[in-house]
């Protein structure tokens, strides 16, 4: 893999790949309603982009402490987010 030297081409490629990743993540969520998904990416200009399902707290909480059960409040928020997707 080589760095794309042309800045415009690099930004267009990033945008297309980001969209493709988000589509795949969305399809994963649609197919498996109990899955947690998180994507963090930065554009070549340093702008952050993110995708989390059901919530940022849920995804990061599972990553940081995989054996810990979510609190009642965060569980309700996550359940609500899952209902909205399907």
Protein backbone atom coordinates (compact mmCIF):
# COMPACT_ATOMS: atom_id res chain seq x y z
CA UNK A 1 0.00 0.00 0.00
CA UNK A 2 1.37 3.38 -0.98
CA UNK A 3 0.50 6.85 0.21
CA UNK A 4 -1.64 8.77 -2.26
CA UNK A 5 0.38 11.91 -2.90
CA UNK A 6 -2.35 13.98 -4.58
CA UNK A 7 -4.30 15.62 -1.73
CA UNK A 8 -7.62 15.78 -3.58
CA UNK A 9 -7.41 12.13 -4.60
CA UNK A 10 -6.43 11.18 -1.04
CA UNK A 11 -9.46 13.01 0.43
CA UNK A 12 -11.85 11.45 -2.10
CA UNK A 13 -10.43 7.98 -1.41
CA UNK A 14 -10.78 8.50 2.35
CA UNK A 15 -14.38 9.65 1.94
CA UNK A 16 -15.28 6.60 -0.17
CA UNK A 17 -13.59 4.16 2.20
CA UNK A 18 -15.21 5.79 5.22
CA UNK A 19 -18.63 5.49 3.60
CA UNK A 20 -17.94 1.85 2.77
CA UNK A 21 -16.93 1.08 6.35
CA UNK A 22 -20.05 2.76 7.73
CA UNK A 23 -22.26 0.82 5.31
CA UNK A 24 -20.67 -2.46 6.37
CA UNK A 25 -21.03 -1.56 10.04
CA UNK A 26 -24.70 -0.65 9.49
CA UNK A 27 -25.36 -3.95 7.71
CA UNK A 28 -23.70 -5.81 10.57
CA UNK A 29 -25.98 -4.04 13.05
CA UNK A 30 -29.06 -4.78 10.92
CA UNK A 31 -28.20 -8.48 10.65
CA UNK A 32 -27.15 -9.02 14.27
CA UNK A 33 -29.23 -6.77 16.53
CA UNK A 34 -27.25 -7.58 19.68
CA UNK A 35 -23.84 -6.58 18.31
CA UNK A 36 -21.88 -3.55 19.49
CA UNK A 37 -19.85 -1.76 16.81
CA UNK A 38 -17.45 1.15 17.02
CA UNK A 39 -15.39 2.88 14.34
CA UNK A 40 -13.12 5.87 14.86
CA UNK A 41 -11.22 7.32 11.92
CA UNK A 42 -9.38 10.52 11.14
CA UNK A 43 -9.34 12.19 7.75
CA UNK A 44 -6.01 13.05 6.14
CA UNK A 45 -6.61 16.58 7.46
CA UNK A 46 -7.03 15.29 11.03
CA UNK A 47 -10.81 15.65 11.32
CA UNK A 48 -12.28 12.84 13.49
CA UNK A 49 -15.23 10.71 12.34
CA UNK A 50 -17.01 8.05 14.36
CA UNK A 51 -19.74 5.42 14.20
CA UNK A 52 -20.99 3.67 17.33
CA UNK A 53 -23.90 1.31 17.87
CA UNK A 54 -25.80 1.20 20.09
CA UNK A 55 -23.95 4.00 21.94
CA UNK A 56 -20.41 5.26 22.45
CA UNK A 57 -20.56 4.39 26.16
CA UNK A 58 -21.74 0.85 25.46
CA UNK A 59 -19.02 0.11 22.91
CA UNK A 60 -16.19 1.69 24.88
CA UNK A 61 -17.43 0.12 28.12
CA UNK A 62 -17.26 -3.35 26.59
CA UNK A 63 -13.80 -2.64 25.20
CA UNK A 64 -12.36 -1.27 28.45
CA UNK A 65 -14.08 -3.75 30.81
CA UNK A 66 -15.38 -6.73 28.80
CA UNK A 67 -16.59 -8.64 31.89
CA UNK A 68 -18.51 -5.74 33.45
CA UNK A 69 -22.27 -5.52 33.06
CA UNK A 70 -23.64 -2.14 31.92
CA UNK A 71 -25.52 0.02 34.39
CA UNK A 72 -29.32 0.05 34.24
CA UNK A 73 -29.32 3.56 32.71
CA UNK A 74 -26.81 2.73 29.97
CA UNK A 75 -28.62 -0.56 29.32
CA UNK A 76 -31.88 1.32 28.74
CA UNK A 77 -30.19 3.80 26.39
CA UNK A 78 -28.52 0.96 24.46
CA UNK A 79 -31.80 -0.96 24.20
CA UNK A 80 -33.55 2.16 22.92
CA UNK A 81 -30.85 2.70 20.29
CA UNK A 82 -31.16 -0.91 19.13
CA UNK A 83 -34.93 -0.56 18.75
CA UNK A 84 -34.53 2.55 16.56
CA UNK A 85 -32.23 0.74 14.11
CA UNK A 86 -34.46 -2.23 13.38
